Amino acid sequence: MISSTIQNTILLVEDNPDDEALTLRALTKNNIINKVIITRDGVEALDYLFAEGKYSERDATQVPSLILLDIQLPKIDGFGVLKRLRATAHTRYIPVVILTSSSEQEDILQSYGLGANSYIRKPVDFDEFMKTIGQLGPYWLLLNQQPEQI
């Protein structure tokens, strides 16, 4: 199956409505106007990516340019999502940025071990969060060179 990226679409996998709103606001404030798809748990994220469940009508070969993935998610945690992404050819190379409140070394090691491209701890300070998202978007969406999807 040959996949292609949905031009600069971001998949935000976040169960906390406040963090979701903050991330969307930070993207907007930093002029990152890409389409953002929001899923609120690990099962929904996987359903979206693999065109299952309520997303069964979606073309599964169209993958996002970037996934912002929280670790602490209901149903299937971020590690489970990452494991499935990296085990499947057409999602294996999607850049995944872990965006989480955890600073546990074990979480960082496990994230990278499962194939995360980056690990960012959500800053508590609003202005710092804005700066972090402001740096994240241009790098992953404009500067980063991705391989063609398989």
C-alpha atoms as a PDB file:
ATOM      1  CA  MET A   1       0.000   0.000   0.000  1.00  0.00           C
ATOM      2  CA  ILE A   2       1.484   3.341  -1.022  1.00  0.00           C
ATOM      3  CA  SER A   3       0.676   6.176   1.371  1.00  0.00           C
ATOM      4  CA  SER A   4       0.891   9.876   0.919  1.00  0.00           C
ATOM      5  CA  THR A   5       0.794  12.615   3.481  1.00  0.00           C
ATOM      6  CA  ILE A   6      -2.209  14.854   3.821  1.00  0.00           C
ATOM      7  CA  GLN A   7      -0.456  18.122   3.070  1.00  0.00           C
ATOM      8  CA  ASN A   8       0.732  19.461   6.414  1.00  0.00           C
ATOM      9  CA  THR A   9      -2.140  18.000   8.415  1.00  0.00           C
ATOM     10  CA  ILE A  10      -1.480  17.579  12.123  1.00  0.00           C
ATOM     11  CA  LEU A  11      -3.055  14.792  14.166  1.00  0.00           C
ATOM     12  CA  LEU A  12      -3.390  15.906  17.782  1.00  0.00           C
ATOM     13  CA  VAL A  13      -4.009  12.988  20.153  1.00  0.00           C
ATOM     14  CA  GLU A  14      -4.996  14.620  23.440  1.00  0.00           C
ATOM     15  CA  ASP A  15      -7.621  13.665  26.032  1.00  0.00           C
ATOM     16  CA  ASN A  16      -7.412  16.809  28.172  1.00  0.00           C
ATOM     17  CA  PRO A  17      -9.751  19.513  26.786  1.00  0.00           C
ATOM     18  CA  ASP A  18      -7.685  22.293  28.382  1.00  0.00           C
ATOM     19  CA  ASP A  19      -4.440  21.033  26.809  1.00  0.00           C
ATOM     20  CA  GLU A  20      -6.233  20.569  23.493  1.00  0.00           C
ATOM     21  CA  ALA A  21      -7.502  24.175  23.565  1.00  0.00           C
ATOM     22  CA  LEU A  22      -4.086  25.456  24.624  1.00  0.00           C
ATOM     23  CA  THR A  23      -2.344  23.567  21.815  1.00  0.00           C
ATOM     24  CA  LEU A  24      -4.817  24.824  19.213  1.00  0.00           C
ATOM     25  CA  ARG A  25      -4.432  28.376  20.509  1.00  0.00           C
ATOM     26  CA  ALA A  26      -0.639  28.088  20.430  1.00  0.00           C
ATOM     27  CA  LEU A  27      -0.715  26.807  16.843  1.00  0.00           C
ATOM     28  CA  THR A  28      -2.959  29.683  15.780  1.00  0.00           C
ATOM     29  CA  LYS A  29      -0.976  32.316  17.673  1.00  0.00           C
ATOM     30  CA  ASN A  30       2.193  31.082  15.971  1.00  0.00           C
ATOM     31  CA  ASN A  31       0.545  31.298  12.528  1.00  0.00           C
ATOM     32  CA  ILE A  32       0.515  27.543  12.076  1.00  0.00           C
ATOM     33  CA  ILE A  33      -2.703  27.332  10.103  1.00  0.00           C
ATOM     34  CA  ASN A  34      -2.497  23.680   9.154  1.00  0.00           C
ATOM     35  CA  LYS A  35      -5.563  21.529   9.427  1.00  0.00           C
ATOM     36  CA  VAL A  36      -5.639  19.823  12.824  1.00  0.00           C
ATOM     37  CA  ILE A  37      -7.456  16.535  13.333  1.00  0.00           C
ATOM     38  CA  ILE A  38      -8.217  15.864  17.005  1.00  0.00           C
ATOM     39  CA  THR A  39      -8.637  12.456  18.553  1.00  0.00           C
ATOM     40  CA  ARG A  40      -9.190  12.064  22.283  1.00  0.00           C
ATOM     41  CA  ASP A  41      -7.970   8.557  23.070  1.00  0.00           C
ATOM     42  CA  GLY A  42      -5.668   5.902  21.688  1.00  0.00           C
ATOM     43  CA  VAL A  43      -8.412   3.838  20.087  1.00  0.00           C
ATOM     44  CA  GLU A  44      -9.818   6.857  18.245  1.00  0.00           C
ATOM     45  CA  ALA A  45      -6.324   7.826  17.045  1.00  0.00           C
ATOM     46  CA  LEU A  46      -5.714   4.345  15.661  1.00  0.00           C
ATOM     47  CA  ASP A  47      -9.197   4.244  14.122  1.00  0.00           C
ATOM     48  CA  TYR A  48      -8.406   7.509  12.350  1.00  0.00           C
ATOM     49  CA  LEU A  49      -4.975   6.404  11.130  1.00  0.00           C
ATOM     50  CA  PHE A  50      -6.127   2.986   9.943  1.00  0.00           C
ATOM     51  CA  ALA A  51      -9.603   4.059   8.697  1.00  0.00           C
ATOM     52  CA  GLU A  52     -11.529   1.908  11.141  1.00  0.00           C
ATOM     53  CA  GLY A  53     -14.627   2.464  13.281  1.00  0.00           C
ATOM     54  CA  LYS A  54     -16.210   5.868  12.715  1.00  0.00           C
ATOM     55  CA  TYR A  55     -13.378   6.693  10.285  1.00  0.00           C
ATOM     56  CA  SER A  56     -13.941   3.634   8.068  1.00  0.00           C
ATOM     57  CA  GLU A  57     -14.919   5.837   5.115  1.00  0.00           C
ATOM     58  CA  ARG A  58     -11.598   7.701   5.270  1.00  0.00           C
ATOM     59  CA  ASP A  59      -8.771   6.875   2.849  1.00  0.00           C
ATOM     60  CA  ALA A  60      -6.201   5.158   5.094  1.00  0.00           C
ATOM     61  CA  THR A  61      -3.429   5.821   2.576  1.00  0.00           C
ATOM     62  CA  GLN A  62      -3.675   9.535   3.402  1.00  0.00           C
ATOM     63  CA  VAL A  63      -1.598  10.048   6.542  1.00  0.00           C
ATOM     64  CA  PRO A  64      -0.923  13.221   8.546  1.00  0.00           C
ATOM     65  CA  SER A  65       2.356  15.103   8.204  1.00  0.00           C
ATOM     66  CA  LEU A  66       2.815  15.165  11.976  1.00  0.00           C
ATOM     67  CA  ILE A  67       1.348  13.470  15.040  1.00  0.00           C
ATOM     68  CA  LEU A  68       1.379  15.225  18.409  1.00  0.00           C
ATOM     69  CA  LEU A  69       0.831  12.356  20.833  1.00  0.00           C
ATOM     70  CA  ASP A  70       0.149  12.445  24.554  1.00  0.00           C
ATOM     71  CA  ILE A  71       1.260   9.403  26.543  1.00  0.00           C
ATOM     72  CA  GLN A  72      -1.456   9.308  29.161  1.00  0.00           C
ATOM     73  CA  LEU A  73      -4.544   8.474  27.113  1.00  0.00           C
ATOM     74  CA  PRO A  74      -7.666   6.460  27.864  1.00  0.00           C
ATOM     75  CA  LYS A  75      -8.348   3.070  26.248  1.00  0.00           C
ATOM     76  CA  ILE A  76      -4.901   2.676  24.642  1.00  0.00           C
ATOM     77  CA  ASP A  77      -2.030   4.814  25.922  1.00  0.00           C
ATOM     78  CA  GLY A  78       0.397   6.710  23.713  1.00  0.00           C
ATOM     79  CA  PHE A  79       2.922   3.875  23.892  1.00  0.00           C
ATOM     80  CA  GLY A  80       0.353   1.473  22.443  1.00  0.00           C
ATOM     81  CA  VAL A  81      -0.461   3.920  19.662  1.00  0.00           C
ATOM     82  CA  LEU A  82       3.221   4.413  18.870  1.00  0.00           C
ATOM     83  CA  LYS A  83       3.880   0.663  18.881  1.00  0.00           C
ATOM     84  CA  ARG A  84       1.122   0.055  16.314  1.00  0.00           C
ATOM     85  CA  LEU A  85       2.213   2.983  14.137  1.00  0.00           C
ATOM     86  CA  ARG A  86       5.782   1.763  13.915  1.00  0.00           C
ATOM     87  CA  ALA A  87       4.720  -1.828  13.225  1.00  0.00           C
ATOM     88  CA  THR A  88       2.773  -0.876  10.099  1.00  0.00           C
ATOM     89  CA  ALA A  89       4.471   0.034   6.821  1.00  0.00           C
ATOM     90  CA  HIS A  90       2.237   2.933   5.785  1.00  0.00           C
ATOM     91  CA  THR A  91       2.443   4.710   9.164  1.00  0.00           C
ATOM     92  CA  ARG A  92       5.989   3.779  10.145  1.00  0.00           C
ATOM     93  CA  TYR A  93       7.605   7.029   8.985  1.00  0.00           C
ATOM     94  CA  ILE A  94       5.065   9.598  10.157  1.00  0.00           C
ATOM     95  CA  PRO A  95       6.896  11.982  12.507  1.00  0.00           C
ATOM     96  CA  VAL A  96       5.588  11.509  16.036  1.00  0.00           C
ATOM     97  CA  VAL A  97       6.258  14.116  18.690  1.00  0.00           C
ATOM     98  CA  ILE A  98       5.409  13.029  22.202  1.00  0.00           C
ATOM     99  CA  LEU A  99       3.808  16.069  23.841  1.00  0.00           C
ATOM    100  CA  THR A 100       3.180  15.190  27.457  1.00  0.00           C
ATOM    101  CA  SER A 101       3.331  16.434  31.023  1.00  0.00           C
ATOM    102  CA  SER A 102       5.531  13.497  32.077  1.00  0.00           C
ATOM    103  CA  SER A 103       9.208  14.113  32.726  1.00  0.00           C
ATOM    104  CA  GLU A 104       9.840  10.534  33.876  1.00  0.00           C
ATOM    105  CA  GLN A 105      13.060   9.159  32.404  1.00  0.00           C
ATOM    106  CA  GLU A 106      11.351   5.803  31.880  1.00  0.00           C
ATOM    107  CA  ASP A 107       8.670   7.462  29.691  1.00  0.00           C
ATOM    108  CA  ILE A 108      11.328   9.273  27.656  1.00  0.00           C
ATOM    109  CA  LEU A 109      13.315   6.062  27.109  1.00  0.00           C
ATOM    110  CA  GLN A 110      10.228   4.049  26.214  1.00  0.00           C
ATOM    111  CA  SER A 111       9.028   6.725  23.774  1.00  0.00           C
ATOM    112  CA  TYR A 112      12.311   6.792  21.889  1.00  0.00           C
ATOM    113  CA  GLY A 113      12.595   3.020  22.109  1.00  0.00           C
ATOM    114  CA  LEU A 114       9.237   2.664  20.382  1.00  0.00           C
ATOM    115  CA  GLY A 115      10.205   5.086  17.624  1.00  0.00           C
ATOM    116  CA  ALA A 116       9.164   8.578  18.718  1.00  0.00           C
ATOM    117  CA  ASN A 117      10.937  11.299  16.768  1.00  0.00           C
ATOM    118  CA  SER A 118      10.896  13.807  19.601  1.00  0.00           C
ATOM    119  CA  TYR A 119       9.843  14.075  23.245  1.00  0.00           C
ATOM    120  CA  ILE A 120       8.604  17.403  24.561  1.00  0.00           C
ATOM    121  CA  ARG A 121       7.387  18.044  28.061  1.00  0.00           C
ATOM    122  CA  LYS A 122       4.424  20.413  28.017  1.00  0.00           C
ATOM    123  CA  PRO A 123       5.559  23.608  29.688  1.00  0.00           C
ATOM    124  CA  VAL A 124       3.319  24.669  32.569  1.00  0.00           C
ATOM    125  CA  ASP A 125       3.864  28.360  31.822  1.00  0.00           C
ATOM    126  CA  PHE A 126       1.534  29.670  29.091  1.00  0.00           C
ATOM    127  CA  ASP A 127       4.180  31.820  27.370  1.00  0.00           C
ATOM    128  CA  GLU A 128       6.665  28.946  27.354  1.00  0.00           C
ATOM    129  CA  PHE A 129       4.016  26.652  25.895  1.00  0.00           C
ATOM    130  CA  MET A 130       3.403  29.208  23.125  1.00  0.00           C
ATOM    131  CA  LYS A 131       7.130  29.365  22.336  1.00  0.00           C
ATOM    132  CA  THR A 132       7.465  25.591  22.342  1.00  0.00           C
ATOM    133  CA  ILE A 133       4.634  25.102  19.861  1.00  0.00           C
ATOM    134  CA  GLY A 134       5.976  28.005  17.813  1.00  0.00           C
ATOM    135  CA  GLN A 135       9.275  26.165  17.360  1.00  0.00           C
ATOM    136  CA  LEU A 136       7.729  22.746  16.900  1.00  0.00           C
ATOM    137  CA  GLY A 137       5.451  23.552  13.942  1.00  0.00           C
ATOM    138  CA  PRO A 138       7.903  25.131  11.504  1.00  0.00           C
ATOM    139  CA  TYR A 139      10.546  22.496  12.116  1.00  0.00           C
ATOM    140  CA  TRP A 140       8.367  19.407  11.652  1.00  0.00           C
ATOM    141  CA  LEU A 141       6.080  20.836   8.978  1.00  0.00           C
ATOM    142  CA  LEU A 142       8.489  22.908   6.885  1.00  0.00           C
ATOM    143  CA  LEU A 143      12.138  22.039   7.524  1.00  0.00           C
ATOM    144  CA  ASN A 144      12.060  18.321   8.268  1.00  0.00           C
ATOM    145  CA  GLN A 145      12.569  16.081   5.226  1.00  0.00           C
ATOM    146  CA  GLN A 146      10.450  12.951   5.334  1.00  0.00           C
ATOM    147  CA  PRO A 147      10.901   9.823   3.277  1.00  0.00           C
ATOM    148  CA  GLU A 148       8.195   9.005   0.799  1.00  0.00           C
ATOM    149  CA  GLN A 149       5.543   6.868   2.452  1.00  0.00           C
ATOM    150  CA  ILE A 150       5.386   3.177   1.612  1.00  0.00           C
END
